[in-house]
Amino acid sequence: MSDEHTSDNRTSDKHTPEKCTSEPPGYLRLFKIREFRAVFLAHALSLLGVVVSEVALTVLVYGLTGSPLLSALTFALGMLPYLVGGTLLSGIADRYPPRRVLVVCDVVCAACAALMALPVTPVFGLLALRCVIAVVSPVFNGTRMATLADILGDGDLFVLGRSLLRIVSQSSVLVGFGLGGVLLTVVSPREALLITVGTFAASALFLRCGTQRRPARGGGGSALVKYSLGGARQVLGDRRIRALLLLLWAPPMFMVAPEALAAPYADQIGVGVAGVGLLMCALPVGTIAAELYAGSALSATTRARIALPLASFTLLPLTVYAVTPGLLWAMLALALAGAGSAYTLGVDRWFVDAVPQELRGRAMTVHTAGLMTIQGVGMALAGLAAEFFAVSTVVMASGVLGTVCCLVLAAEVRATHRTDDGGEEGKPANLRERVTESRDGADHHMTGG
């Protein structure tokens, strides 16, 4: 009963999260909120399902075709359709009750995994089903981020909750694929896909039973695609939101270069296959350590103060590749670059503040889709550049170009702030205020799910 009461208060009183900034910082207070526990467990389970399915599908497709290209394509198909789902279907996140959207997305993914597990499903079917999951994923992730703000408020608790989910995702990079490989020594790839079915189904159950029914954020009688594209135009057309989105996207775009080129760089410096794994682990280790420290030891005010400096220089350590560093120095540079990703704790807060509630689901979906797409573009560009230049040169150039871009974007984010009468940075004059001013009192009530 006390958990439900706490959650209700945080949802109904928008000032409650602000009061939380005076509490001792840390992640443990999140787990006092019943709804967050359900979202956290659902996230962990669905993430486990995704990791298992990626490993199993790669092995399965290669076993059926013997083609390295088609095997690698299963990974690419996990990223490329994000742009489609994140733009054409983003309106689902606001048009329908969020709990219903989350549960249906999980059920769709579970059904796709079940069809993949059938022995009669051909390779083309496997790849097509992989695309369906990838199209659904940005809608699910965007709706979950918006729901997290409903549960935790749009203050510091939201920042910590978002950070914790991100830490779990980063941790899966370190251990997930290894565990997936071990699993496939015990069961066949199609049997492993049945585990994915179970994890998605369990995630749907946690979300259905563990979160409250809430009405849709927005209405609109227009067609879904038009509604979705209209929301994307509103998000990207607002100077403040656009600057924040680009600042959240730019560092990951350039940061994927050393990860995408880890194998050829290990070959360049002669450290072998073991070095590839160490190089790929260094960046997420730095990211996880820094986010845990920032979320646990720093106040919300401090995280906001250091956000722009961290964002500006998080890619600077990559410039050490100019001297073709050995394994240890390269790992240190990657860990430092990953640590700079703690800037997102400050920027996440500004982003959720800038977006009006009725646009929040579409904004979060666009954010998720853009992040995945821009990383795919970054990987492709890094690979293309490495065809003509030494890997160390490409990574160094990524650090230089990325730092320049981040400095420009940080200046743009700073320019979109306004100062209140007290001389402190306040909320920007953004889309949220314009929507509030122009709202005509239309009734957005929708049936909850």
Protein backbone atom coordinates (compact mmCIF):
# COMPACT_ATOMS: atom_id res chain seq x y z
CA MET A 1 0.00 0.00 0.00
CA SER A 2 2.78 2.45 0.89
CA ASP A 3 4.51 1.80 -2.43
CA GLU A 4 1.38 2.58 -4.39
CA HIS A 5 0.79 5.72 -2.38
CA THR A 6 4.35 6.90 -3.03
CA SER A 7 3.99 6.26 -6.76
CA ASP A 8 0.68 8.08 -6.96
CA ASN A 9 2.11 11.12 -5.25
CA ARG A 10 5.08 11.25 -7.57
CA THR A 11 2.79 11.06 -10.56
CA SER A 12 0.27 13.61 -9.47
CA ASP A 13 2.54 16.18 -7.85
CA LYS A 14 5.00 17.52 -10.34
CA HIS A 15 6.89 19.30 -7.59
CA THR A 16 7.67 16.14 -5.65
CA PRO A 17 10.68 15.16 -7.78
CA GLU A 18 12.19 18.58 -7.22
CA LYS A 19 12.08 17.97 -3.49
CA CYS A 20 14.05 14.79 -4.03
CA THR A 21 17.11 16.80 -5.07
CA SER A 22 17.63 17.66 -1.40
CA GLU A 23 17.76 13.98 -0.45
CA PRO A 24 21.04 12.07 -0.36
CA PRO A 25 21.81 11.10 -3.98
CA GLY A 26 21.74 7.45 -4.95
CA TYR A 27 19.95 4.77 -6.90
CA LEU A 28 18.54 2.72 -4.02
CA ARG A 29 15.65 5.10 -3.36
CA LEU A 30 14.31 4.24 -6.81
CA PHE A 31 13.48 0.73 -5.65
CA LYS A 32 11.14 2.07 -2.97
CA ILE A 33 8.73 2.87 -5.81
CA ARG A 34 6.70 -0.19 -6.79
CA GLU A 35 6.14 0.83 -10.40
CA PHE A 36 9.83 1.45 -10.99
CA ARG A 37 10.63 -2.03 -9.70
CA ALA A 38 8.27 -3.47 -12.30
CA VAL A 39 9.77 -1.36 -15.10
CA PHE A 40 13.30 -2.28 -14.03
CA LEU A 41 12.60 -6.01 -13.97
CA ALA A 42 10.79 -5.81 -17.31
CA HIS A 43 13.76 -3.96 -18.80
CA ALA A 44 16.25 -6.52 -17.53
CA LEU A 45 14.16 -9.41 -18.84
CA SER A 46 13.51 -7.93 -22.28
CA LEU A 47 17.19 -7.02 -22.57
CA LEU A 48 18.12 -10.61 -21.76
CA GLY A 49 15.76 -11.74 -24.50
CA VAL A 50 17.30 -9.39 -27.03
CA VAL A 51 20.86 -10.52 -26.24
CA VAL A 52 19.96 -14.20 -26.43
CA SER A 53 18.08 -13.70 -29.70
CA GLU A 54 20.97 -11.79 -31.30
CA VAL A 55 23.49 -14.50 -30.49
CA ALA A 56 21.12 -17.33 -31.39
CA LEU A 57 20.03 -15.73 -34.68
CA THR A 58 23.59 -15.04 -35.77
CA VAL A 59 24.60 -18.64 -35.17
CA LEU A 60 21.36 -19.98 -36.69
CA VAL A 61 21.57 -17.91 -39.88
CA TYR A 62 25.24 -18.78 -40.37
CA GLY A 63 24.50 -22.47 -39.78
CA LEU A 64 21.69 -22.43 -42.35
CA THR A 65 23.49 -20.42 -45.04
CA GLY A 66 27.22 -20.57 -44.34
CA SER A 67 27.25 -16.86 -45.29
CA PRO A 68 29.18 -14.42 -43.06
CA LEU A 69 27.34 -11.55 -44.78
CA LEU A 70 23.87 -12.84 -43.86
CA SER A 71 25.06 -13.68 -40.36
CA ALA A 72 26.33 -10.12 -39.88
CA LEU A 73 23.12 -8.78 -41.42
CA THR A 74 21.15 -10.09 -38.45
CA PHE A 75 22.97 -7.51 -36.30
CA ALA A 76 22.48 -4.71 -38.84
CA LEU A 77 18.76 -5.46 -39.04
CA GLY A 78 18.59 -4.83 -35.32
CA MET A 79 19.52 -1.17 -35.90
CA LEU A 80 18.51 -0.05 -39.39
CA PRO A 81 14.67 -0.31 -39.00
CA TYR A 82 14.83 1.91 -35.89
CA LEU A 83 14.57 4.95 -38.14
CA VAL A 84 11.32 3.66 -39.68
CA GLY A 85 9.67 2.77 -36.39
CA GLY A 86 10.96 5.90 -34.68
CA THR A 87 9.53 8.31 -37.25
CA LEU A 88 6.48 6.70 -38.87
CA LEU A 89 5.15 4.95 -35.75
CA SER A 90 6.25 7.32 -32.96
CA GLY A 91 2.68 8.61 -32.62
CA ILE A 92 1.66 5.29 -31.04
CA ALA A 93 3.55 6.33 -27.90
CA ASP A 94 1.24 9.33 -27.36
CA ARG A 95 -1.98 8.30 -29.09
CA TYR A 96 -2.65 5.18 -27.01
CA PRO A 97 -2.47 4.47 -23.26
CA PRO A 98 1.20 3.84 -22.43
CA ARG A 99 0.74 0.61 -20.49
CA ARG A 100 -1.21 -0.88 -23.36
CA VAL A 101 1.51 0.13 -25.83
CA LEU A 102 4.26 -1.43 -23.72
CA VAL A 103 2.41 -4.71 -23.22
CA VAL A 104 1.41 -5.03 -26.88
CA CYS A 105 5.00 -4.33 -28.01
CA ASP A 106 6.30 -7.07 -25.72
CA VAL A 107 3.63 -9.49 -26.95
CA VAL A 108 4.51 -8.72 -30.58
CA CYS A 109 8.20 -9.35 -29.88
CA ALA A 110 7.39 -12.59 -28.07
CA ALA A 111 5.27 -13.74 -31.04
CA CYS A 112 8.10 -12.92 -33.47
CA ALA A 113 10.58 -14.89 -31.36
CA ALA A 114 8.16 -17.82 -31.22
CA LEU A 115 7.88 -17.84 -35.03
CA MET A 116 11.69 -17.69 -35.29
CA ALA A 117 11.93 -20.77 -33.08
CA LEU A 118 9.78 -22.84 -35.44
CA PRO A 119 11.89 -25.32 -37.47
CA VAL A 120 9.95 -24.45 -40.65
CA THR A 121 10.82 -20.73 -40.57
CA PRO A 122 13.25 -20.03 -43.45
CA VAL A 123 16.19 -17.61 -43.38
CA PHE A 124 14.18 -14.90 -45.13
CA GLY A 125 11.50 -15.27 -42.47
CA LEU A 126 14.08 -15.01 -39.69
CA LEU A 127 15.45 -11.76 -41.10
CA ALA A 128 11.96 -10.35 -41.69
CA LEU A 129 10.90 -11.14 -38.11
CA ARG A 130 14.12 -9.53 -36.88
CA CYS A 131 13.07 -6.39 -38.76
CA VAL A 132 9.64 -6.42 -37.12
CA ILE A 133 11.20 -6.51 -33.65
CA ALA A 134 13.53 -3.67 -34.62
CA VAL A 135 10.61 -1.56 -35.89
CA VAL A 136 8.68 -2.13 -32.65
CA SER A 137 11.67 -1.46 -30.38
CA PRO A 138 11.87 2.36 -30.69
CA VAL A 139 8.14 2.64 -29.98
CA PHE A 140 8.56 0.46 -26.89
CA ASN A 141 11.69 2.27 -25.68
CA GLY A 142 10.24 5.73 -26.27
CA THR A 143 7.01 4.84 -24.49
CA ARG A 144 8.96 3.35 -21.58
CA MET A 145 11.07 6.51 -21.22
CA ALA A 146 7.96 8.68 -21.21
CA THR A 147 6.30 6.34 -18.71
CA LEU A 148 9.38 6.55 -16.51
CA ALA A 149 8.80 10.30 -16.33
CA ASP A 150 5.17 9.65 -15.39
CA ILE A 151 6.26 7.32 -12.60
CA LEU A 152 9.25 9.22 -11.24
CA GLY A 153 8.34 12.77 -12.22
CA ASP A 154 10.49 14.86 -14.53
CA GLY A 155 13.09 15.73 -11.90
CA ASP A 156 16.15 14.04 -10.45
CA LEU A 157 14.46 10.68 -9.88
CA PHE A 158 13.79 10.42 -13.61
CA VAL A 159 17.46 11.14 -14.34
CA LEU A 160 18.57 8.41 -11.93
CA GLY A 161 16.01 5.94 -13.24
CA ARG A 162 17.02 6.58 -16.84
CA SER A 163 20.67 6.25 -15.85
CA LEU A 164 20.11 2.93 -14.09
CA LEU A 165 18.34 1.43 -17.11
CA ARG A 166 21.22 2.64 -19.27
CA ILE A 167 23.76 1.05 -16.92
CA VAL A 168 21.94 -2.28 -17.19
CA SER A 169 22.07 -1.98 -20.98
CA GLN A 170 25.80 -1.21 -20.93
CA SER A 171 26.44 -4.11 -18.57
CA SER A 172 24.74 -6.45 -21.01
CA VAL A 173 27.45 -5.57 -23.54
CA LEU A 174 30.07 -6.90 -21.14
CA VAL A 175 28.42 -10.15 -20.08
CA GLY A 176 25.47 -10.81 -22.36
CA PHE A 177 27.18 -12.12 -25.44
CA GLY A 178 29.49 -14.31 -23.40
CA LEU A 179 26.56 -15.88 -21.58
CA GLY A 180 24.73 -16.29 -24.87
CA GLY A 181 27.68 -18.18 -26.29
CA VAL A 182 27.77 -20.49 -23.27
CA LEU A 183 24.02 -21.07 -23.56
CA LEU A 184 24.41 -22.27 -27.14
CA THR A 185 26.76 -25.02 -26.00
CA VAL A 186 23.81 -26.50 -24.08
CA VAL A 187 20.82 -25.84 -26.34
CA SER A 188 20.28 -25.30 -30.06
CA PRO A 189 19.76 -21.77 -31.45
CA ARG A 190 16.04 -22.34 -31.99
CA GLU A 191 15.66 -23.66 -28.44
CA ALA A 192 17.50 -20.59 -27.19
CA LEU A 193 14.91 -18.43 -28.96
CA LEU A 194 12.26 -20.02 -26.75
CA ILE A 195 14.03 -18.36 -23.82
CA THR A 196 13.55 -15.05 -25.61
CA VAL A 197 9.82 -15.81 -25.92
CA GLY A 198 9.68 -16.34 -22.17
CA THR A 199 11.56 -13.16 -21.30
CA PHE A 200 9.36 -10.96 -23.48
CA ALA A 201 6.22 -12.59 -22.07
CA ALA A 202 7.47 -12.09 -18.51
CA SER A 203 8.28 -8.45 -19.29
CA ALA A 204 4.72 -7.95 -20.57
CA LEU A 205 3.35 -9.51 -17.39
CA PHE A 206 5.43 -7.27 -15.10
CA LEU A 207 4.36 -4.16 -17.00
CA ARG A 208 0.68 -5.16 -17.08
CA CYS A 209 0.46 -6.05 -13.39
CA GLY A 210 3.12 -3.75 -11.95
CA THR A 211 2.30 -0.37 -13.51
CA GLN A 212 -0.75 1.84 -13.30
CA ARG A 213 -3.29 2.49 -16.01
CA ARG A 214 -2.76 5.97 -17.46
CA PRO A 215 -4.64 7.77 -20.24
CA ALA A 216 -3.04 8.57 -23.57
CA ARG A 217 -0.96 11.75 -23.55
CA GLY A 218 -2.34 13.13 -26.81
CA GLY A 219 -5.32 12.69 -29.04
CA GLY A 220 -5.55 13.71 -32.66
CA GLY A 221 -7.82 12.42 -35.35
CA SER A 222 -5.24 12.42 -38.12
CA ALA A 223 -3.71 9.29 -39.59
CA LEU A 224 -1.02 7.65 -37.48
CA VAL A 225 1.83 8.36 -39.90
CA LYS A 226 0.79 12.02 -40.21
CA TYR A 227 0.47 12.29 -36.43
CA SER A 228 3.89 10.70 -35.96
CA LEU A 229 5.63 12.87 -38.55
CA GLY A 230 3.92 15.94 -37.13
CA GLY A 231 5.32 15.15 -33.70
CA ALA A 232 8.80 14.60 -35.15
CA ARG A 233 8.58 17.98 -36.89
CA GLN A 234 7.58 19.65 -33.63
CA VAL A 235 10.45 18.01 -31.77
CA LEU A 236 13.11 18.74 -34.36
CA GLY A 237 11.68 22.16 -35.18
CA ASP A 238 12.18 23.46 -31.64
CA ARG A 239 15.64 24.96 -31.24
CA ARG A 240 16.09 23.91 -27.62
CA ILE A 241 14.94 20.30 -28.04
CA ARG A 242 16.88 19.91 -31.28
CA ALA A 243 20.10 21.10 -29.63
CA LEU A 244 19.64 18.69 -26.72
CA LEU A 245 18.89 15.77 -29.04
CA LEU A 246 21.96 16.45 -31.15
CA LEU A 247 24.11 16.68 -28.02
CA LEU A 248 22.75 13.30 -26.88
CA TRP A 249 23.42 11.80 -30.33
CA ALA A 250 26.78 13.28 -31.34
CA PRO A 251 29.20 11.67 -28.83
CA PRO A 252 27.84 8.13 -29.41
CA MET A 253 28.14 8.61 -33.19
CA PHE A 254 31.87 9.29 -32.95
CA MET A 255 32.49 7.00 -29.97
CA VAL A 256 31.53 3.87 -31.90
CA ALA A 257 34.58 4.27 -34.16
CA PRO A 258 37.10 2.56 -31.83
CA GLU A 259 34.61 -0.20 -31.03
CA ALA A 260 33.75 -0.84 -34.68
CA LEU A 261 37.45 -0.91 -35.55
CA ALA A 262 38.65 -2.83 -32.48
CA ALA A 263 39.60 -5.93 -34.48
CA PRO A 264 41.67 -4.13 -37.14
CA TYR A 265 43.31 -1.93 -34.51
CA ALA A 266 44.26 -4.97 -32.46
CA ASP A 267 45.81 -6.37 -35.62
CA GLN A 268 47.61 -3.07 -36.28
CA ILE A 269 49.30 -3.08 -32.87
CA GLY A 270 49.72 -6.86 -32.81
CA VAL A 271 47.78 -7.81 -29.66
CA GLY A 272 45.68 -10.64 -31.11
CA VAL A 273 42.12 -11.75 -30.47
CA ALA A 274 42.32 -11.26 -26.69
CA GLY A 275 43.12 -7.61 -27.28
CA VAL A 276 39.92 -7.17 -29.30
CA GLY A 277 37.79 -8.16 -26.33
CA LEU A 278 39.69 -5.87 -23.97
CA LEU A 279 39.39 -2.92 -26.34
CA MET A 280 35.65 -3.47 -26.73
CA CYS A 281 35.14 -3.74 -22.95
CA ALA A 282 37.10 -0.63 -21.97
CA LEU A 283 34.56 1.95 -23.11
CA PRO A 284 31.46 0.43 -21.45
CA VAL A 285 33.47 -0.13 -18.25
CA GLY A 286 34.28 3.59 -18.16
CA THR A 287 30.67 4.48 -18.89
CA ILE A 288 29.24 2.26 -16.16
CA ALA A 289 31.75 3.39 -13.52
CA ALA A 290 31.22 7.08 -14.24
CA GLU A 291 27.42 6.87 -14.30
CA LEU A 292 27.36 4.93 -11.03
CA TYR A 293 29.59 7.52 -9.40
CA ALA A 294 27.71 10.51 -10.79
CA GLY A 295 24.33 9.09 -9.85
CA SER A 296 25.39 7.99 -6.37
CA ALA A 297 27.84 10.65 -5.21
CA LEU A 298 26.94 13.86 -7.05
CA SER A 299 23.95 16.09 -6.48
CA ALA A 300 21.60 17.05 -9.28
CA THR A 301 23.04 20.58 -9.25
CA THR A 302 26.58 19.29 -9.66
CA ARG A 303 25.59 16.93 -12.47
CA ALA A 304 23.94 19.83 -14.29
CA ARG A 305 27.00 22.03 -13.78
CA ILE A 306 29.43 19.52 -15.27
CA ALA A 307 27.17 18.28 -18.09
CA LEU A 308 28.31 20.66 -20.82
CA PRO A 309 32.05 20.50 -20.01
CA LEU A 310 31.88 16.69 -19.98
CA ALA A 311 29.92 16.60 -23.23
CA SER A 312 32.39 18.98 -24.86
CA PHE A 313 35.49 16.95 -24.08
CA THR A 314 34.31 13.35 -23.70
CA LEU A 315 35.78 12.45 -27.11
CA LEU A 316 39.09 14.20 -26.56
CA PRO A 317 40.85 11.09 -25.13
CA LEU A 318 40.44 9.42 -28.54
CA THR A 319 43.04 11.80 -29.96
CA VAL A 320 45.72 9.72 -28.21
CA TYR A 321 45.34 7.33 -31.15
CA ALA A 322 47.42 9.85 -33.12
CA VAL A 323 50.52 8.20 -31.62
CA THR A 324 49.17 4.65 -32.12
CA PRO A 325 49.07 3.74 -28.44
CA GLY A 326 49.61 0.22 -27.17
CA LEU A 327 46.86 -1.88 -25.64
CA LEU A 328 46.96 -0.43 -22.11
CA TRP A 329 47.06 3.21 -23.20
CA ALA A 330 44.28 2.63 -25.73
CA MET A 331 42.14 0.98 -23.06
CA LEU A 332 42.74 3.91 -20.71
CA ALA A 333 41.75 6.39 -23.42
CA LEU A 334 38.56 4.45 -24.17
CA ALA A 335 37.68 4.19 -20.48
CA LEU A 336 38.12 7.96 -20.08
CA ALA A 337 35.99 8.62 -23.15
CA GLY A 338 33.31 6.32 -21.76
CA ALA A 339 33.45 8.11 -18.40
CA GLY A 340 32.57 11.36 -20.14
CA SER A 341 29.20 9.85 -21.04
CA ALA A 342 28.07 10.78 -17.54
CA TYR A 343 27.11 14.11 -19.11
CA THR A 344 23.83 12.46 -20.13
CA LEU A 345 22.56 12.62 -16.54
CA GLY A 346 22.44 16.40 -16.79
CA VAL A 347 21.19 16.58 -20.37
CA ASP A 348 18.45 13.99 -19.77
CA ARG A 349 16.94 16.32 -17.16
CA TRP A 350 16.99 19.30 -19.52
CA PHE A 351 15.46 17.23 -22.29
CA VAL A 352 12.48 16.01 -20.29
CA ASP A 353 11.96 19.56 -18.99
CA ALA A 354 11.91 20.95 -22.53
CA VAL A 355 9.31 18.55 -23.97
CA PRO A 356 5.58 19.11 -23.24
CA GLN A 357 3.87 16.08 -21.75
CA GLU A 358 1.51 15.51 -24.70
CA LEU A 359 4.54 15.26 -27.01
CA ARG A 360 6.76 13.28 -24.65
CA GLY A 361 6.16 9.80 -26.06
CA ARG A 362 6.94 10.87 -29.62
CA ALA A 363 9.97 12.89 -28.49
CA MET A 364 11.40 9.94 -26.56
CA THR A 365 10.78 7.62 -29.52
CA VAL A 366 12.54 10.00 -31.91
CA HIS A 367 15.41 10.22 -29.44
CA THR A 368 15.75 6.43 -29.26
CA ALA A 369 15.49 5.95 -33.02
CA GLY A 370 17.96 8.72 -33.74
CA LEU A 371 20.47 7.36 -31.25
CA MET A 372 20.47 3.90 -32.77
CA THR A 373 20.52 5.20 -36.33
CA ILE A 374 23.34 7.66 -35.74
CA GLN A 375 25.47 4.92 -34.18
CA GLY A 376 24.90 2.74 -37.22
CA VAL A 377 25.94 5.63 -39.46
CA GLY A 378 29.02 6.19 -37.31
CA MET A 379 30.05 2.54 -37.62
CA ALA A 380 29.60 2.60 -41.39
CA LEU A 381 31.57 5.83 -41.82
CA ALA A 382 34.39 4.57 -39.58
CA GLY A 383 34.62 1.34 -41.56
CA LEU A 384 34.61 3.24 -44.84
CA ALA A 385 37.35 5.62 -43.69
CA ALA A 386 39.46 2.68 -42.49
CA GLU A 387 39.54 1.40 -46.07
CA PHE A 388 41.67 4.41 -46.99
CA PHE A 389 43.47 5.41 -43.79
CA ALA A 390 45.15 3.65 -40.87
CA VAL A 391 42.74 2.66 -38.09
CA SER A 392 44.61 4.81 -35.57
CA THR A 393 44.19 7.82 -37.86
CA VAL A 394 40.46 7.20 -38.24
CA VAL A 395 39.90 6.96 -34.47
CA MET A 396 42.00 10.07 -33.85
CA ALA A 397 40.02 11.96 -36.48
CA SER A 398 36.78 10.82 -34.84
CA GLY A 399 38.00 12.30 -31.57
CA VAL A 400 38.93 15.62 -33.18
CA LEU A 401 35.81 16.01 -35.33
CA GLY A 402 33.58 14.79 -32.50
CA THR A 403 35.08 17.26 -30.05
CA VAL A 404 34.51 20.15 -32.48
CA CYS A 405 30.89 19.08 -33.01
CA CYS A 406 30.28 18.72 -29.28
CA LEU A 407 31.76 22.15 -28.53
CA VAL A 408 29.42 23.71 -31.10
CA LEU A 409 26.40 21.83 -29.75
CA ALA A 410 27.26 22.65 -26.14
CA ALA A 411 27.36 26.34 -27.10
CA GLU A 412 23.96 25.97 -28.77
CA VAL A 413 22.48 24.27 -25.68
CA ARG A 414 23.88 27.04 -23.49
CA ALA A 415 22.43 29.68 -25.82
CA THR A 416 18.93 28.24 -25.48
CA HIS A 417 18.90 28.69 -21.71
CA ARG A 418 17.38 31.82 -20.24
CA THR A 419 18.15 33.38 -16.88
CA ASP A 420 15.38 33.95 -14.40
CA ASP A 421 15.04 36.98 -12.15
CA GLY A 422 17.16 35.35 -9.48
CA GLY A 423 20.18 35.13 -11.76
CA GLU A 424 20.09 31.34 -11.94
CA GLU A 425 19.52 29.18 -14.98
CA GLY A 426 15.86 28.34 -15.28
CA LYS A 427 13.80 26.39 -17.70
CA PRO A 428 14.26 27.54 -21.30
CA ALA A 429 11.71 29.38 -23.34
CA ASN A 430 10.85 26.26 -25.31
CA LEU A 431 8.12 24.23 -26.93
CA ARG A 432 6.63 23.32 -23.54
CA GLU A 433 5.86 26.98 -22.84
CA ARG A 434 4.52 27.67 -26.33
CA VAL A 435 2.22 24.65 -26.18
CA THR A 436 0.97 25.73 -22.76
CA GLU A 437 0.31 29.26 -23.97
CA SER A 438 -1.53 28.10 -27.10
CA ARG A 439 -3.54 25.31 -25.49
CA ASP A 440 -7.24 25.92 -26.01
CA GLY A 441 -8.55 23.63 -23.33
CA ALA A 442 -9.32 20.75 -25.68
CA ASP A 443 -10.23 17.55 -23.91
CA HIS A 444 -7.53 14.91 -24.44
CA HIS A 445 -9.21 12.25 -22.36
CA MET A 446 -8.67 8.72 -23.67
CA THR A 447 -9.67 5.33 -22.31
CA GLY A 448 -6.87 3.84 -20.23
CA GLY A 449 -5.34 0.50 -21.04
